[in-house]
Amino acid sequence: MDAESRVSNHFAESIATKQVAAETLAPIVASAGLLMGQSLQRDGKILSCGNGGSAGDAQHFSSELLNRYERERPGLPAIALTTDSSTITSIANDYSYEDIFAKQVRALGRNGDVLLAISTSGNSQNVNRAIAAAHERSMQVVALSGRDGGEMAGLLTAGDVEIRVPAERTARIQEVHLLIIHCLCDLIDESLFGDI
């Protein structure tokens, strides 16, 4: 297969994955956006975490809330737990890498806050420990995953929202995660500030 055909195949697969996701995930994403908007309306905040590309997604989400998404509005309280290298490395060194997000959730999270937990496989131990810590702090969780949901799926409680992308390939899952993040930002802005 030549390079141009490979590129075309990536586009076609991404489009097909997004079409299937749109059919199955729209009401779930809407519920997650409502949950996050309600938290922010009650002076809560949103913490986010993930590894690798999912860490980038956590930071992207946080920046869209803290700065702006598509409209001028006040900044919204969001913290990406992936950005403080001194905190991450000290926790990893003194305790374990699996605790880098959980310890931050225990320190920063409060009842009424929301954790956005991102893992394409659902098997990231540090993200899953953050979910357990969020529940200890009476927080709700919005989980972004893929495949079969992994271990993460079994950790979620009735008040949480699981957004599981119906795909196997990591790249396709991540592409849909980014679209979902933009949907969440739009829903949050609409719930707090009304239609544009």
C-alpha atoms as a PDB file:
ATOM      1  CA  MET A   1       0.000   0.000   0.000  1.00  0.00           C
ATOM      2  CA  ASP A   2       1.389   3.408  -0.932  1.00  0.00           C
ATOM      3  CA  ALA A   3       1.693   6.297   1.537  1.00  0.00           C
ATOM      4  CA  GLU A   4      -1.320   8.190   0.189  1.00  0.00           C
ATOM      5  CA  SER A   5      -3.552   5.133   0.553  1.00  0.00           C
ATOM      6  CA  ARG A   6      -2.350   4.600   4.111  1.00  0.00           C
ATOM      7  CA  VAL A   7      -3.252   8.180   4.973  1.00  0.00           C
ATOM      8  CA  SER A   8      -6.680   7.814   3.343  1.00  0.00           C
ATOM      9  CA  ASN A   9      -7.263   4.619   5.336  1.00  0.00           C
ATOM     10  CA  HIS A  10      -6.452   6.415   8.602  1.00  0.00           C
ATOM     11  CA  PHE A  11      -8.984   9.136   7.771  1.00  0.00           C
ATOM     12  CA  ALA A  12     -11.633   6.577   6.802  1.00  0.00           C
ATOM     13  CA  GLU A  13     -11.107   4.542   9.973  1.00  0.00           C
ATOM     14  CA  SER A  14     -11.212   7.661  12.143  1.00  0.00           C
ATOM     15  CA  ILE A  15     -14.449   8.827  10.514  1.00  0.00           C
ATOM     16  CA  ALA A  16     -16.043   5.393  10.916  1.00  0.00           C
ATOM     17  CA  THR A  17     -15.036   5.224  14.591  1.00  0.00           C
ATOM     18  CA  LYS A  18     -16.472   8.675  15.243  1.00  0.00           C
ATOM     19  CA  GLN A  19     -19.740   7.779  13.518  1.00  0.00           C
ATOM     20  CA  VAL A  20     -20.200   4.690  15.691  1.00  0.00           C
ATOM     21  CA  ALA A  21     -19.223   6.672  18.789  1.00  0.00           C
ATOM     22  CA  ALA A  22     -21.718   9.440  17.939  1.00  0.00           C
ATOM     23  CA  GLU A  23     -24.543   6.903  17.762  1.00  0.00           C
ATOM     24  CA  THR A  24     -23.741   5.276  21.106  1.00  0.00           C
ATOM     25  CA  LEU A  25     -22.038   7.938  23.226  1.00  0.00           C
ATOM     26  CA  ALA A  26     -24.003  11.177  22.680  1.00  0.00           C
ATOM     27  CA  PRO A  27     -26.351  10.709  25.679  1.00  0.00           C
ATOM     28  CA  ILE A  28     -23.480   9.579  27.904  1.00  0.00           C
ATOM     29  CA  VAL A  29     -21.304  12.559  26.968  1.00  0.00           C
ATOM     30  CA  ALA A  30     -24.297  14.844  27.577  1.00  0.00           C
ATOM     31  CA  SER A  31     -24.673  13.361  31.083  1.00  0.00           C
ATOM     32  CA  ALA A  32     -20.984  13.908  31.791  1.00  0.00           C
ATOM     33  CA  GLY A  33     -21.166  17.530  30.622  1.00  0.00           C
ATOM     34  CA  LEU A  34     -24.194  18.123  32.854  1.00  0.00           C
ATOM     35  CA  LEU A  35     -22.398  16.561  35.830  1.00  0.00           C
ATOM     36  CA  MET A  36     -19.346  18.764  35.303  1.00  0.00           C
ATOM     37  CA  GLY A  37     -21.427  21.891  34.775  1.00  0.00           C
ATOM     38  CA  GLN A  38     -23.357  21.248  37.991  1.00  0.00           C
ATOM     39  CA  SER A  39     -20.113  20.780  39.919  1.00  0.00           C
ATOM     40  CA  LEU A  40     -18.769  24.100  38.662  1.00  0.00           C
ATOM     41  CA  GLN A  41     -22.082  25.855  39.408  1.00  0.00           C
ATOM     42  CA  ARG A  42     -21.721  24.682  43.036  1.00  0.00           C
ATOM     43  CA  ASP A  43     -18.170  26.084  43.264  1.00  0.00           C
ATOM     44  CA  GLY A  44     -16.556  22.712  42.616  1.00  0.00           C
ATOM     45  CA  LYS A  45     -13.552  22.107  40.412  1.00  0.00           C
ATOM     46  CA  ILE A  46     -12.474  19.482  37.915  1.00  0.00           C
ATOM     47  CA  LEU A  47      -9.245  17.535  38.339  1.00  0.00           C
ATOM     48  CA  SER A  48      -7.933  15.558  35.354  1.00  0.00           C
ATOM     49  CA  CYS A  49      -5.287  12.886  34.841  1.00  0.00           C
ATOM     50  CA  GLY A  50      -3.900  10.389  32.354  1.00  0.00           C
ATOM     51  CA  ASN A  51      -0.610   9.061  30.967  1.00  0.00           C
ATOM     52  CA  GLY A  52       1.158   9.843  27.692  1.00  0.00           C
ATOM     53  CA  GLY A  53      -1.338  11.083  25.124  1.00  0.00           C
ATOM     54  CA  SER A  54      -4.010  10.948  27.813  1.00  0.00           C
ATOM     55  CA  ALA A  55      -1.869  13.282  29.949  1.00  0.00           C
ATOM     56  CA  GLY A  56      -1.889  15.672  27.012  1.00  0.00           C
ATOM     57  CA  ASP A  57      -5.671  15.334  26.826  1.00  0.00           C
ATOM     58  CA  ALA A  58      -5.980  16.065  30.561  1.00  0.00           C
ATOM     59  CA  GLN A  59      -3.910  19.226  30.118  1.00  0.00           C
ATOM     60  CA  HIS A  60      -5.823  20.237  26.995  1.00  0.00           C
ATOM     61  CA  PHE A  61      -9.136  19.940  28.865  1.00  0.00           C
ATOM     62  CA  SER A  62      -7.841  21.914  31.839  1.00  0.00           C
ATOM     63  CA  SER A  63      -6.505  24.709  29.635  1.00  0.00           C
ATOM     64  CA  GLU A  64      -9.816  25.032  27.786  1.00  0.00           C
ATOM     65  CA  LEU A  65     -11.574  25.584  31.126  1.00  0.00           C
ATOM     66  CA  LEU A  66      -8.982  27.803  32.806  1.00  0.00           C
ATOM     67  CA  ASN A  67      -8.522  30.071  29.808  1.00  0.00           C
ATOM     68  CA  ARG A  68     -11.409  29.840  27.329  1.00  0.00           C
ATOM     69  CA  TYR A  69     -12.967  27.438  24.892  1.00  0.00           C
ATOM     70  CA  GLU A  70     -14.890  29.228  22.118  1.00  0.00           C
ATOM     71  CA  ARG A  71     -16.246  32.282  23.918  1.00  0.00           C
ATOM     72  CA  GLU A  72     -15.095  35.030  26.199  1.00  0.00           C
ATOM     73  CA  ARG A  73     -15.952  34.086  29.785  1.00  0.00           C
ATOM     74  CA  PRO A  74     -14.336  33.915  33.219  1.00  0.00           C
ATOM     75  CA  GLY A  75     -11.824  31.136  33.773  1.00  0.00           C
ATOM     76  CA  LEU A  76     -13.197  27.967  35.328  1.00  0.00           C
ATOM     77  CA  PRO A  77     -11.451  25.972  38.090  1.00  0.00           C
ATOM     78  CA  ALA A  78      -9.651  22.979  36.611  1.00  0.00           C
ATOM     79  CA  ILE A  79      -6.369  21.312  37.497  1.00  0.00           C
ATOM     80  CA  ALA A  80      -4.425  18.846  35.355  1.00  0.00           C
ATOM     81  CA  LEU A  81      -2.622  16.536  37.787  1.00  0.00           C
ATOM     82  CA  THR A  82      -0.059  15.725  35.075  1.00  0.00           C
ATOM     83  CA  THR A  83       1.812  19.028  34.986  1.00  0.00           C
ATOM     84  CA  ASP A  84       3.788  19.463  38.226  1.00  0.00           C
ATOM     85  CA  SER A  85       7.000  17.532  37.591  1.00  0.00           C
ATOM     86  CA  SER A  86       8.373  18.128  41.095  1.00  0.00           C
ATOM     87  CA  THR A  87       5.233  16.730  42.725  1.00  0.00           C
ATOM     88  CA  ILE A  88       4.995  13.791  40.315  1.00  0.00           C
ATOM     89  CA  THR A  89       8.642  12.799  40.692  1.00  0.00           C
ATOM     90  CA  SER A  90       8.695  13.201  44.464  1.00  0.00           C
ATOM     91  CA  ILE A  91       5.603  11.002  44.879  1.00  0.00           C
ATOM     92  CA  ALA A  92       7.025   8.432  42.443  1.00  0.00           C
ATOM     93  CA  ASN A  93      10.345   8.453  44.300  1.00  0.00           C
ATOM     94  CA  ASP A  94       9.016   8.430  47.872  1.00  0.00           C
ATOM     95  CA  TYR A  95       6.021   6.155  47.300  1.00  0.00           C
ATOM     96  CA  SER A  96       5.337   4.739  43.833  1.00  0.00           C
ATOM     97  CA  TYR A  97       4.445   5.838  40.331  1.00  0.00           C
ATOM     98  CA  GLU A  98       1.023   4.270  40.859  1.00  0.00           C
ATOM     99  CA  ASP A  99       0.318   6.935  43.530  1.00  0.00           C
ATOM    100  CA  ILE A 100       1.231  10.087  41.553  1.00  0.00           C
ATOM    101  CA  PHE A 101      -2.393  11.084  40.922  1.00  0.00           C
ATOM    102  CA  ALA A 102      -4.087   9.557  43.994  1.00  0.00           C
ATOM    103  CA  LYS A 103      -1.992  11.593  46.441  1.00  0.00           C
ATOM    104  CA  GLN A 104      -2.828  14.786  44.561  1.00  0.00           C
ATOM    105  CA  VAL A 105      -6.540  13.911  44.509  1.00  0.00           C
ATOM    106  CA  ARG A 106      -6.486  13.337  48.275  1.00  0.00           C
ATOM    107  CA  ALA A 107      -4.793  16.714  48.807  1.00  0.00           C
ATOM    108  CA  LEU A 108      -6.781  18.812  46.329  1.00  0.00           C
ATOM    109  CA  GLY A 109     -10.102  17.043  45.852  1.00  0.00           C
ATOM    110  CA  ARG A 110     -13.233  17.902  47.820  1.00  0.00           C
ATOM    111  CA  ASN A 111     -16.792  16.665  48.031  1.00  0.00           C
ATOM    112  CA  GLY A 112     -18.574  18.005  44.938  1.00  0.00           C
ATOM    113  CA  ASP A 113     -15.490  18.089  42.715  1.00  0.00           C
ATOM    114  CA  VAL A 114     -15.187  15.888  39.622  1.00  0.00           C
ATOM    115  CA  LEU A 115     -12.248  13.768  38.456  1.00  0.00           C
ATOM    116  CA  LEU A 116     -11.784  13.342  34.707  1.00  0.00           C
ATOM    117  CA  ALA A 117      -9.873  10.035  34.513  1.00  0.00           C
ATOM    118  CA  ILE A 118      -8.463   9.215  31.075  1.00  0.00           C
ATOM    119  CA  SER A 119      -7.040   5.818  30.051  1.00  0.00           C
ATOM    120  CA  THR A 120      -7.433   4.293  26.594  1.00  0.00           C
ATOM    121  CA  SER A 121      -7.147   0.771  28.038  1.00  0.00           C
ATOM    122  CA  GLY A 122      -8.760   1.418  31.408  1.00  0.00           C
ATOM    123  CA  ASN A 123      -5.824  -0.403  32.992  1.00  0.00           C
ATOM    124  CA  SER A 124      -3.554   2.485  34.054  1.00  0.00           C
ATOM    125  CA  GLN A 125      -2.919   1.778  37.724  1.00  0.00           C
ATOM    126  CA  ASN A 126      -2.128   5.382  38.643  1.00  0.00           C
ATOM    127  CA  VAL A 127      -5.390   6.566  37.046  1.00  0.00           C
ATOM    128  CA  ASN A 128      -7.352   3.775  38.716  1.00  0.00           C
ATOM    129  CA  ARG A 129      -5.873   4.662  42.115  1.00  0.00           C
ATOM    130  CA  ALA A 130      -6.920   8.265  41.471  1.00  0.00           C
ATOM    131  CA  ILE A 131     -10.503   7.037  40.964  1.00  0.00           C
ATOM    132  CA  ALA A 132     -10.383   5.240  44.329  1.00  0.00           C
ATOM    133  CA  ALA A 133      -8.991   8.397  45.958  1.00  0.00           C
ATOM    134  CA  ALA A 134     -11.729  10.501  44.356  1.00  0.00           C
ATOM    135  CA  HIS A 135     -14.367   8.210  45.846  1.00  0.00           C
ATOM    136  CA  GLU A 136     -12.684   8.544  49.256  1.00  0.00           C
ATOM    137  CA  ARG A 137     -13.106  12.327  48.892  1.00  0.00           C
ATOM    138  CA  SER A 138     -16.802  11.968  47.863  1.00  0.00           C
ATOM    139  CA  MET A 139     -16.027  13.114  44.324  1.00  0.00           C
ATOM    140  CA  GLN A 140     -17.728  11.902  41.179  1.00  0.00           C
ATOM    141  CA  VAL A 141     -15.739  10.535  38.250  1.00  0.00           C
ATOM    142  CA  VAL A 142     -16.032  10.937  34.508  1.00  0.00           C
ATOM    143  CA  ALA A 143     -13.995   8.120  32.966  1.00  0.00           C
ATOM    144  CA  LEU A 144     -12.762   8.207  29.361  1.00  0.00           C
ATOM    145  CA  SER A 145     -11.677   4.775  28.169  1.00  0.00           C
ATOM    146  CA  GLY A 146     -11.878   2.417  25.208  1.00  0.00           C
ATOM    147  CA  ARG A 147     -11.820  -1.269  24.310  1.00  0.00           C
ATOM    148  CA  ASP A 148     -13.613  -3.206  27.086  1.00  0.00           C
ATOM    149  CA  GLY A 149     -13.166  -0.481  29.725  1.00  0.00           C
ATOM    150  CA  GLY A 150     -10.429  -2.433  31.506  1.00  0.00           C
ATOM    151  CA  GLU A 151     -10.137  -2.445  35.286  1.00  0.00           C
ATOM    152  CA  MET A 152     -11.425   1.129  35.383  1.00  0.00           C
ATOM    153  CA  ALA A 153     -14.946   0.016  34.470  1.00  0.00           C
ATOM    154  CA  GLY A 154     -15.203  -2.072  37.640  1.00  0.00           C
ATOM    155  CA  LEU A 155     -14.154   0.835  39.882  1.00  0.00           C
ATOM    156  CA  LEU A 156     -16.941   3.199  38.897  1.00  0.00           C
ATOM    157  CA  THR A 157     -19.960   3.780  41.109  1.00  0.00           C
ATOM    158  CA  ALA A 158     -23.558   4.750  40.403  1.00  0.00           C
ATOM    159  CA  GLY A 159     -22.816   8.497  40.467  1.00  0.00           C
ATOM    160  CA  ASP A 160     -19.979   8.232  37.947  1.00  0.00           C
ATOM    161  CA  VAL A 161     -20.136   8.475  34.146  1.00  0.00           C
ATOM    162  CA  GLU A 162     -18.198   6.044  31.952  1.00  0.00           C
ATOM    163  CA  ILE A 163     -17.525   7.161  28.386  1.00  0.00           C
ATOM    164  CA  ARG A 164     -16.086   4.074  26.685  1.00  0.00           C
ATOM    165  CA  VAL A 165     -15.083   4.586  23.053  1.00  0.00           C
ATOM    166  CA  PRO A 166     -16.155   1.600  20.935  1.00  0.00           C
ATOM    167  CA  ALA A 167     -12.740   0.978  19.377  1.00  0.00           C
ATOM    168  CA  GLU A 168      -9.650  -1.184  19.839  1.00  0.00           C
ATOM    169  CA  ARG A 169      -6.855   0.929  18.332  1.00  0.00           C
ATOM    170  CA  THR A 170      -5.271   3.425  20.706  1.00  0.00           C
ATOM    171  CA  ALA A 171      -5.013   6.129  18.031  1.00  0.00           C
ATOM    172  CA  ARG A 172      -8.726   5.912  17.206  1.00  0.00           C
ATOM    173  CA  ILE A 173      -9.679   5.963  20.902  1.00  0.00           C
ATOM    174  CA  GLN A 174      -7.526   9.043  21.487  1.00  0.00           C
ATOM    175  CA  GLU A 175      -9.022  10.823  18.484  1.00  0.00           C
ATOM    176  CA  VAL A 176     -12.517  10.306  19.866  1.00  0.00           C
ATOM    177  CA  HIS A 177     -11.357  11.300  23.368  1.00  0.00           C
ATOM    178  CA  LEU A 178     -10.273  14.679  21.981  1.00  0.00           C
ATOM    179  CA  LEU A 179     -13.655  15.190  20.323  1.00  0.00           C
ATOM    180  CA  ILE A 180     -15.402  14.223  23.586  1.00  0.00           C
ATOM    181  CA  ILE A 181     -13.254  16.735  25.494  1.00  0.00           C
ATOM    182  CA  HIS A 182     -14.385  19.472  23.110  1.00  0.00           C
ATOM    183  CA  CYS A 183     -18.003  18.361  23.544  1.00  0.00           C
ATOM    184  CA  LEU A 184     -17.596  18.528  27.333  1.00  0.00           C
ATOM    185  CA  CYS A 185     -16.124  22.032  27.109  1.00  0.00           C
ATOM    186  CA  ASP A 186     -19.037  23.169  24.937  1.00  0.00           C
ATOM    187  CA  LEU A 187     -21.615  21.593  27.277  1.00  0.00           C
ATOM    188  CA  ILE A 188     -19.982  23.156  30.341  1.00  0.00           C
ATOM    189  CA  ASP A 189     -19.951  26.605  28.737  1.00  0.00           C
ATOM    190  CA  GLU A 190     -23.574  26.242  27.621  1.00  0.00           C
ATOM    191  CA  SER A 191     -24.707  25.086  31.068  1.00  0.00           C
ATOM    192  CA  LEU A 192     -22.963  27.981  32.834  1.00  0.00           C
ATOM    193  CA  PHE A 193     -23.323  30.805  30.315  1.00  0.00           C
ATOM    194  CA  GLY A 194     -26.130  29.809  27.913  1.00  0.00           C
ATOM    195  CA  ASP A 195     -26.104  29.406  24.140  1.00  0.00           C
ATOM    196  CA  ILE A 196     -23.689  31.471  22.086  1.00  0.00           C
END
